[in-house]
Structure formats: structure tokens, C-alpha cells
Protein backbone atom coordinates (compact mmCIF):
# COMPACT_ATOMS: atom_id res chain seq x y z
CA MET A 1 90.84 173.06 132.79
CA SER A 2 87.91 170.73 132.42
CA GLU A 3 84.57 171.91 131.17
CA GLY A 4 81.72 170.94 133.46
CA SER A 5 78.07 170.65 132.65
CA GLU A 6 75.73 173.58 133.09
CA SER A 7 74.63 172.33 136.51
CA GLU A 8 78.23 172.24 137.74
CA ARG A 9 78.73 175.83 136.64
CA GLY A 10 75.59 177.01 138.36
CA GLY A 11 73.38 177.33 135.28
CA ALA A 12 70.43 175.27 134.14
CA PRO A 13 71.01 171.51 134.15
CA ALA A 14 72.27 170.02 130.90
CA ARG A 15 69.71 167.95 129.04
CA GLU A 16 70.77 164.35 128.58
CA PRO A 17 70.50 162.98 125.02
CA TRP A 18 68.69 159.85 126.20
CA VAL A 19 65.93 161.97 127.74
CA HIS A 20 65.16 163.46 124.33
CA ALA A 21 65.24 159.98 122.77
CA ILE A 22 62.76 158.61 125.33
CA VAL A 23 60.41 161.57 124.89
CA THR A 24 60.57 161.25 121.10
CA ALA A 25 59.94 157.50 121.26
CA ALA A 26 56.99 157.97 123.61
CA ILE A 27 55.44 160.61 121.35
CA MET A 28 55.85 158.42 118.28
CA LEU A 29 54.42 155.39 120.09
CA VAL A 30 51.30 157.25 121.25
CA VAL A 31 50.75 158.91 117.88
CA SER A 32 51.30 155.65 115.99
CA TYR A 33 48.85 153.75 118.16
CA SER A 34 46.24 156.48 117.84
CA VAL A 35 46.66 157.05 114.11
CA PHE A 36 47.06 153.44 112.96
CA VAL A 37 44.88 151.49 115.44
CA LEU A 38 42.45 153.53 117.51
CA ILE A 39 41.10 156.02 114.95
CA PRO A 40 40.77 153.53 112.05
CA ASN A 41 38.92 151.10 114.30
CA ASN A 42 36.43 153.77 115.36
CA LEU A 43 36.17 155.07 111.81
CA LEU A 44 35.50 151.59 110.45
CA THR A 45 32.87 150.93 113.09
CA TYR A 46 31.08 154.20 112.33
CA LEU A 47 31.31 153.96 108.56
CA THR A 48 30.08 150.36 108.38
CA VAL A 49 26.67 151.46 109.60
CA HIS A 50 26.37 154.80 107.82
CA VAL A 51 27.80 154.42 104.28
CA ASN A 52 28.03 151.77 101.57
CA THR A 53 31.03 149.48 101.15
CA ARG A 54 32.79 151.35 98.35
CA ALA A 55 32.61 154.70 100.11
CA ARG A 56 33.77 153.12 103.38
CA ASP A 57 36.78 151.50 101.69
CA LEU A 58 37.71 154.73 99.95
CA LEU A 59 37.49 156.75 103.16
CA ILE A 60 39.58 154.19 105.07
CA LEU A 61 42.19 154.21 102.29
CA LEU A 62 42.34 158.02 102.33
CA TRP A 63 42.71 157.94 106.11
CA TRP A 64 45.65 155.51 105.87
CA VAL A 65 47.41 157.67 103.27
CA ALA A 66 46.91 160.84 105.33
CA ALA A 67 48.01 159.05 108.51
CA LEU A 68 51.17 157.73 106.87
CA VAL A 69 52.10 161.15 105.48
CA PHE A 70 51.45 162.78 108.87
CA SER A 71 53.48 160.14 110.73
CA CYS A 72 56.43 160.54 108.36
CA TRP A 73 56.28 164.31 108.68
CA LEU A 74 56.15 164.07 112.49
CA PHE A 75 59.09 161.65 112.58
CA VAL A 76 61.24 163.94 110.42
CA ARG A 77 60.20 166.97 112.46
CA LEU A 78 61.12 165.30 115.76
CA GLN A 79 64.45 164.13 114.34
CA ARG A 80 65.36 167.63 113.15
CA LYS A 81 64.47 169.11 116.51
CA GLY A 82 66.68 166.65 118.37
CA GLY A 83 69.74 167.04 116.15
């Protein structure tokens, strides 16, 4: 007797593994663009006018460290959820 998917048995449709992979990739792409391009660009533009060079460089460096830690955490979290 063959086992059918949930939709063949009348239940909820089975979720394809590639759907989860596409959703995960899209989330990571949007977050990466926002965290590593969009926000630092706006932050750099704002800080150039309002603070001195040393403070600006320190704040940008702290942003990059926080963004990298957050991105790694998000990647691991999404991988655990999918497995």
C-alpha cells in the first residue's frame, strides 16, 4: 500500500521542501540587503553631518558587529526551523 501525501488523503496539502528553501532565501536576501547596505548608508549619511569622524567610525563599526551577529543568529534560527 503506497503512502500518499496529505492532499491525496484529504488533509492539508503537504509542504514542499523547496518552498521553505525559497522563503528562507528571500528572507535572508531582504534582511541582508537592509542590514548591510540600506541601513549603514543612511546611518553614514546622518552621522557625517551630526558627529565627528571618530564617533562616526565607532558607531558604524558597532553597527556592523551587531548586524553580523544578528544575521548569523537569524540564519541559524531559520535553518533549525526548516530541519
